[in-house]
């Protein structure tokens, strides 16, 4: 797996975290630099941790399914992308309470990184370098989430659903690309 594909995967996975960060920015009465650091650390950290857990699972079962790994990658990435597109259709309720509390951030970080776990399962099957993949996914998510926080504050709710939809399309496209490369 080339760096360009890893970066595309990272951007696709980061879109839901960026959309949630944009919603945080929209709902927060005031943004402080510590809010951006919290969002970047939680979202980026969990987006890097979850593919590692998925990688460990994928590495164990990878040799068994190597003959059809491209289909698994396609199904998982397309499924994650379709889920993101489906979620982009619905509206989120306005958040209440402490927008940047430890419990709130933990729940949001886990919720937005479950797709990264599923993507991590496919990484060893695709020959993606572990350290580069985790660093790219984590850093991309951290940067885009912090950016999303400020964009949400600046441009409001119009970004949230669009970012999820864009991320879903990127993941579906990446899955299709992997399938086409392996079949040709």
C-alpha atoms as a PDB file:
ATOM      1  CA  UNK A   1       0.000   0.000   0.000  1.00  0.00           C
ATOM      2  CA  UNK A   2       1.482   3.316  -1.066  1.00  0.00           C
ATOM      3  CA  UNK A   3       1.587   6.472   1.057  1.00  0.00           C
ATOM      4  CA  UNK A   4      -1.026   8.162  -1.143  1.00  0.00           C
ATOM      5  CA  UNK A   5      -3.489   5.374  -0.389  1.00  0.00           C
ATOM      6  CA  UNK A   6      -2.689   5.537   3.325  1.00  0.00           C
ATOM      7  CA  UNK A   7      -3.250   9.298   3.273  1.00  0.00           C
ATOM      8  CA  UNK A   8      -6.571   8.868   1.432  1.00  0.00           C
ATOM      9  CA  UNK A   9      -7.614   6.334   4.047  1.00  0.00           C
ATOM     10  CA  UNK A  10      -6.572   8.712   6.833  1.00  0.00           C
ATOM     11  CA  UNK A  11      -8.564  11.597   5.363  1.00  0.00           C
ATOM     12  CA  UNK A  12     -11.607   9.399   4.892  1.00  0.00           C
ATOM     13  CA  UNK A  13     -11.410   8.115   8.465  1.00  0.00           C
ATOM     14  CA  UNK A  14     -10.881  11.629   9.833  1.00  0.00           C
ATOM     15  CA  UNK A  15     -14.047  13.090   8.303  1.00  0.00           C
ATOM     16  CA  UNK A  16     -16.422  11.877  11.003  1.00  0.00           C
ATOM     17  CA  UNK A  17     -14.091  13.177  13.724  1.00  0.00           C
ATOM     18  CA  UNK A  18     -13.816  16.483  11.859  1.00  0.00           C
ATOM     19  CA  UNK A  19     -17.601  16.694  11.570  1.00  0.00           C
ATOM     20  CA  UNK A  20     -18.021  16.034  15.308  1.00  0.00           C
ATOM     21  CA  UNK A  21     -15.342  18.629  16.057  1.00  0.00           C
ATOM     22  CA  UNK A  22     -17.195  21.112  13.832  1.00  0.00           C
ATOM     23  CA  UNK A  23     -20.333  20.450  15.875  1.00  0.00           C
ATOM     24  CA  UNK A  24     -18.337  21.083  19.055  1.00  0.00           C
ATOM     25  CA  UNK A  25     -17.133  24.364  17.613  1.00  0.00           C
ATOM     26  CA  UNK A  26     -20.643  25.354  16.674  1.00  0.00           C
ATOM     27  CA  UNK A  27     -22.056  24.577  20.122  1.00  0.00           C
ATOM     28  CA  UNK A  28     -19.231  25.979  22.258  1.00  0.00           C
ATOM     29  CA  UNK A  29     -19.915  29.437  23.645  1.00  0.00           C
ATOM     30  CA  UNK A  30     -16.190  30.186  23.417  1.00  0.00           C
ATOM     31  CA  UNK A  31     -13.193  28.364  21.960  1.00  0.00           C
ATOM     32  CA  UNK A  32      -9.896  28.246  23.792  1.00  0.00           C
ATOM     33  CA  UNK A  33      -6.557  26.839  22.582  1.00  0.00           C
ATOM     34  CA  UNK A  34      -6.917  24.007  25.120  1.00  0.00           C
ATOM     35  CA  UNK A  35     -10.154  22.971  23.389  1.00  0.00           C
ATOM     36  CA  UNK A  36      -8.285  22.492  20.105  1.00  0.00           C
ATOM     37  CA  UNK A  37      -5.583  20.497  21.898  1.00  0.00           C
ATOM     38  CA  UNK A  38      -8.183  18.291  23.606  1.00  0.00           C
ATOM     39  CA  UNK A  39     -10.021  17.616  20.360  1.00  0.00           C
ATOM     40  CA  UNK A  40      -6.787  16.882  18.477  1.00  0.00           C
ATOM     41  CA  UNK A  41      -5.392  14.634  21.237  1.00  0.00           C
ATOM     42  CA  UNK A  42      -8.566  12.629  21.815  1.00  0.00           C
ATOM     43  CA  UNK A  43      -9.652  12.218  18.211  1.00  0.00           C
ATOM     44  CA  UNK A  44      -6.156  11.800  16.760  1.00  0.00           C
ATOM     45  CA  UNK A  45      -5.072   9.495  19.566  1.00  0.00           C
ATOM     46  CA  UNK A  46      -8.048   7.178  19.280  1.00  0.00           C
ATOM     47  CA  UNK A  47      -7.909   7.193  15.481  1.00  0.00           C
ATOM     48  CA  UNK A  48      -4.294   5.951  15.782  1.00  0.00           C
ATOM     49  CA  UNK A  49      -5.000   3.444  18.585  1.00  0.00           C
ATOM     50  CA  UNK A  50      -8.009   1.729  17.022  1.00  0.00           C
ATOM     51  CA  UNK A  51      -6.266   0.734  13.750  1.00  0.00           C
ATOM     52  CA  UNK A  52      -3.476  -0.732  15.883  1.00  0.00           C
ATOM     53  CA  UNK A  53      -6.020  -2.961  17.628  1.00  0.00           C
ATOM     54  CA  UNK A  54      -7.543  -3.823  14.246  1.00  0.00           C
ATOM     55  CA  UNK A  55      -4.063  -4.459  12.830  1.00  0.00           C
ATOM     56  CA  UNK A  56      -3.324  -6.983  15.584  1.00  0.00           C
ATOM     57  CA  UNK A  57      -6.532  -8.847  14.793  1.00  0.00           C
ATOM     58  CA  UNK A  58      -5.941  -8.623  11.032  1.00  0.00           C
ATOM     59  CA  UNK A  59      -2.362  -9.841  11.351  1.00  0.00           C
ATOM     60  CA  UNK A  60      -3.547 -12.966  13.111  1.00  0.00           C
ATOM     61  CA  UNK A  61      -6.179 -13.881  10.537  1.00  0.00           C
ATOM     62  CA  UNK A  62      -4.455 -12.305   7.521  1.00  0.00           C
ATOM     63  CA  UNK A  63      -2.539 -15.360   6.273  1.00  0.00           C
ATOM     64  CA  UNK A  64      -5.719 -17.445   6.361  1.00  0.00           C
ATOM     65  CA  UNK A  65      -7.660 -15.083   4.109  1.00  0.00           C
ATOM     66  CA  UNK A  66      -4.891 -13.792   1.865  1.00  0.00           C
ATOM     67  CA  UNK A  67      -6.521 -15.208  -1.277  1.00  0.00           C
ATOM     68  CA  UNK A  68      -9.559 -12.967  -0.860  1.00  0.00           C
ATOM     69  CA  UNK A  69      -8.183 -10.089   1.239  1.00  0.00           C
ATOM     70  CA  UNK A  70      -8.975  -7.520  -1.453  1.00  0.00           C
ATOM     71  CA  UNK A  71     -12.665  -8.438  -1.202  1.00  0.00           C
ATOM     72  CA  UNK A  72     -12.553  -8.085   2.585  1.00  0.00           C
ATOM     73  CA  UNK A  73     -10.865  -4.689   2.279  1.00  0.00           C
ATOM     74  CA  UNK A  74     -13.439  -3.574  -0.274  1.00  0.00           C
ATOM     75  CA  UNK A  75     -16.409  -4.788   1.795  1.00  0.00           C
ATOM     76  CA  UNK A  76     -15.115  -3.243   5.041  1.00  0.00           C
ATOM     77  CA  UNK A  77     -14.141   0.110   3.508  1.00  0.00           C
ATOM     78  CA  UNK A  78     -17.284   0.324   1.379  1.00  0.00           C
ATOM     79  CA  UNK A  79     -19.380  -0.647   4.404  1.00  0.00           C
ATOM     80  CA  UNK A  80     -17.763   1.992   6.589  1.00  0.00           C
ATOM     81  CA  UNK A  81     -18.192   4.541   3.798  1.00  0.00           C
ATOM     82  CA  UNK A  82     -21.834   3.613   3.282  1.00  0.00           C
ATOM     83  CA  UNK A  83     -22.443   3.887   7.031  1.00  0.00           C
ATOM     84  CA  UNK A  84     -20.917   7.362   7.001  1.00  0.00           C
ATOM     85  CA  UNK A  85     -23.104   8.351   4.035  1.00  0.00           C
ATOM     86  CA  UNK A  86     -26.192   7.018   5.827  1.00  0.00           C
ATOM     87  CA  UNK A  87     -25.310   8.910   9.019  1.00  0.00           C
ATOM     88  CA  UNK A  88     -24.711  12.081   7.014  1.00  0.00           C
ATOM     89  CA  UNK A  89     -28.390  12.002   6.034  1.00  0.00           C
ATOM     90  CA  UNK A  90     -29.665  12.350   9.618  1.00  0.00           C
ATOM     91  CA  UNK A  91     -29.446  15.343  11.900  1.00  0.00           C
ATOM     92  CA  UNK A  92     -27.689  15.409  15.251  1.00  0.00           C
ATOM     93  CA  UNK A  93     -29.352  16.825  18.316  1.00  0.00           C
ATOM     94  CA  UNK A  94     -27.788  19.960  19.693  1.00  0.00           C
ATOM     95  CA  UNK A  95     -25.197  19.024  22.332  1.00  0.00           C
ATOM     96  CA  UNK A  96     -25.689  20.146  25.904  1.00  0.00           C
ATOM     97  CA  UNK A  97     -23.444  20.368  28.983  1.00  0.00           C
ATOM     98  CA  UNK A  98     -19.656  20.623  29.033  1.00  0.00           C
ATOM     99  CA  UNK A  99     -18.690  20.313  25.373  1.00  0.00           C
ATOM    100  CA  UNK A 100     -15.063  19.413  26.204  1.00  0.00           C
ATOM    101  CA  UNK A 101     -15.411  17.370  29.400  1.00  0.00           C
ATOM    102  CA  UNK A 102     -13.325  14.223  29.757  1.00  0.00           C
ATOM    103  CA  UNK A 103     -16.327  11.885  29.578  1.00  0.00           C
ATOM    104  CA  UNK A 104     -17.826  13.641  26.545  1.00  0.00           C
ATOM    105  CA  UNK A 105     -14.523  13.644  24.677  1.00  0.00           C
ATOM    106  CA  UNK A 106     -13.868   9.991  25.497  1.00  0.00           C
ATOM    107  CA  UNK A 107     -17.263   8.871  24.216  1.00  0.00           C
ATOM    108  CA  UNK A 108     -16.923  10.954  21.044  1.00  0.00           C
ATOM    109  CA  UNK A 109     -13.372   9.746  20.404  1.00  0.00           C
ATOM    110  CA  UNK A 110     -14.382   6.099  20.714  1.00  0.00           C
ATOM    111  CA  UNK A 111     -17.518   6.578  18.609  1.00  0.00           C
ATOM    112  CA  UNK A 112     -15.642   8.298  15.789  1.00  0.00           C
ATOM    113  CA  UNK A 113     -12.790   5.760  15.759  1.00  0.00           C
ATOM    114  CA  UNK A 114     -14.712   2.491  15.464  1.00  0.00           C
ATOM    115  CA  UNK A 115     -14.421   2.720  11.684  1.00  0.00           C
ATOM    116  CA  UNK A 116     -10.645   3.068  12.128  1.00  0.00           C
ATOM    117  CA  UNK A 117     -10.641  -0.284  13.969  1.00  0.00           C
ATOM    118  CA  UNK A 118     -12.351  -1.936  11.016  1.00  0.00           C
ATOM    119  CA  UNK A 119      -9.943  -0.274   8.587  1.00  0.00           C
ATOM    120  CA  UNK A 120      -7.012  -1.446  10.732  1.00  0.00           C
ATOM    121  CA  UNK A 121      -8.031  -5.060  10.158  1.00  0.00           C
ATOM    122  CA  UNK A 122      -7.372  -4.609   6.448  1.00  0.00           C
ATOM    123  CA  UNK A 123      -3.963  -2.919   6.777  1.00  0.00           C
ATOM    124  CA  UNK A 124      -1.785  -6.046   7.215  1.00  0.00           C
ATOM    125  CA  UNK A 125      -3.642  -7.770   4.381  1.00  0.00           C
ATOM    126  CA  UNK A 126      -2.726  -4.863   2.116  1.00  0.00           C
ATOM    127  CA  UNK A 127       0.919  -4.740   3.176  1.00  0.00           C
ATOM    128  CA  UNK A 128       0.574  -1.265   4.700  1.00  0.00           C
ATOM    129  CA  UNK A 129       3.485  -0.274   6.966  1.00  0.00           C
ATOM    130  CA  UNK A 130       2.192  -0.166  10.548  1.00  0.00           C
ATOM    131  CA  UNK A 131       4.042   2.841  11.956  1.00  0.00           C
ATOM    132  CA  UNK A 132       3.468   4.995   8.888  1.00  0.00           C
ATOM    133  CA  UNK A 133      -0.227   4.041   8.763  1.00  0.00           C
ATOM    134  CA  UNK A 134      -0.848   4.781  12.453  1.00  0.00           C
ATOM    135  CA  UNK A 135       1.088   8.047  12.386  1.00  0.00           C
ATOM    136  CA  UNK A 136      -0.636   9.214   9.204  1.00  0.00           C
ATOM    137  CA  UNK A 137      -4.121   8.319  10.467  1.00  0.00           C
ATOM    138  CA  UNK A 138      -3.535   9.859  13.915  1.00  0.00           C
ATOM    139  CA  UNK A 139      -1.879  13.064  12.739  1.00  0.00           C
ATOM    140  CA  UNK A 140      -4.319  13.611   9.894  1.00  0.00           C
ATOM    141  CA  UNK A 141      -7.241  13.196  12.272  1.00  0.00           C
ATOM    142  CA  UNK A 142      -5.672  15.467  14.888  1.00  0.00           C
ATOM    143  CA  UNK A 143      -5.055  18.268  12.383  1.00  0.00           C
ATOM    144  CA  UNK A 144      -8.414  17.956  10.622  1.00  0.00           C
ATOM    145  CA  UNK A 145     -10.306  17.739  13.923  1.00  0.00           C
ATOM    146  CA  UNK A 146      -8.679  20.901  15.270  1.00  0.00           C
ATOM    147  CA  UNK A 147      -9.412  22.579  11.943  1.00  0.00           C
ATOM    148  CA  UNK A 148     -12.997  21.304  12.089  1.00  0.00           C
ATOM    149  CA  UNK A 149     -13.422  22.819  15.530  1.00  0.00           C
ATOM    150  CA  UNK A 150     -12.559  26.271  14.249  1.00  0.00           C
ATOM    151  CA  UNK A 151     -14.427  25.832  10.961  1.00  0.00           C
ATOM    152  CA  UNK A 152     -17.506  24.790  12.910  1.00  0.00           C
ATOM    153  CA  UNK A 153     -17.244  27.922  14.975  1.00  0.00           C
ATOM    154  CA  UNK A 154     -16.763  30.023  11.865  1.00  0.00           C
ATOM    155  CA  UNK A 155     -19.149  28.458   9.344  1.00  0.00           C
ATOM    156  CA  UNK A 156     -21.675  26.637  11.484  1.00  0.00           C
ATOM    157  CA  UNK A 157     -23.601  23.457  10.965  1.00  0.00           C
ATOM    158  CA  UNK A 158     -23.401  23.394   7.170  1.00  0.00           C
ATOM    159  CA  UNK A 159     -20.078  21.493   7.322  1.00  0.00           C
ATOM    160  CA  UNK A 160     -20.996  18.552   9.575  1.00  0.00           C
ATOM    161  CA  UNK A 161     -23.053  16.339   7.259  1.00  0.00           C
ATOM    162  CA  UNK A 162     -21.038  17.293   4.205  1.00  0.00           C
ATOM    163  CA  UNK A 163     -17.807  16.167   5.850  1.00  0.00           C
ATOM    164  CA  UNK A 164     -19.288  12.809   6.817  1.00  0.00           C
ATOM    165  CA  UNK A 165     -20.583  12.315   3.278  1.00  0.00           C
ATOM    166  CA  UNK A 166     -17.214  13.266   1.767  1.00  0.00           C
ATOM    167  CA  UNK A 167     -15.401  10.873   4.112  1.00  0.00           C
ATOM    168  CA  UNK A 168     -17.799   8.078   3.184  1.00  0.00           C
ATOM    169  CA  UNK A 169     -17.233   8.637  -0.525  1.00  0.00           C
ATOM    170  CA  UNK A 170     -13.447   8.650  -0.028  1.00  0.00           C
ATOM    171  CA  UNK A 171     -13.568   5.309   1.828  1.00  0.00           C
ATOM    172  CA  UNK A 172     -15.829   3.723  -0.800  1.00  0.00           C
ATOM    173  CA  UNK A 173     -13.498   4.986  -3.536  1.00  0.00           C
ATOM    174  CA  UNK A 174     -10.440   3.620  -1.737  1.00  0.00           C
ATOM    175  CA  UNK A 175     -12.122   0.223  -1.309  1.00  0.00           C
ATOM    176  CA  UNK A 176     -13.052   0.152  -5.005  1.00  0.00           C
ATOM    177  CA  UNK A 177      -9.509   1.096  -5.973  1.00  0.00           C
ATOM    178  CA  UNK A 178      -8.055  -1.742  -3.874  1.00  0.00           C
ATOM    179  CA  UNK A 179     -10.468  -4.224  -5.441  1.00  0.00           C
ATOM    180  CA  UNK A 180      -9.751  -3.083  -9.002  1.00  0.00           C
ATOM    181  CA  UNK A 181      -5.961  -3.175  -8.426  1.00  0.00           C
ATOM    182  CA  UNK A 182      -6.082  -6.740  -7.111  1.00  0.00           C
ATOM    183  CA  UNK A 183      -8.471  -8.026  -9.784  1.00  0.00           C
ATOM    184  CA  UNK A 184      -6.500  -6.568 -12.699  1.00  0.00           C
END
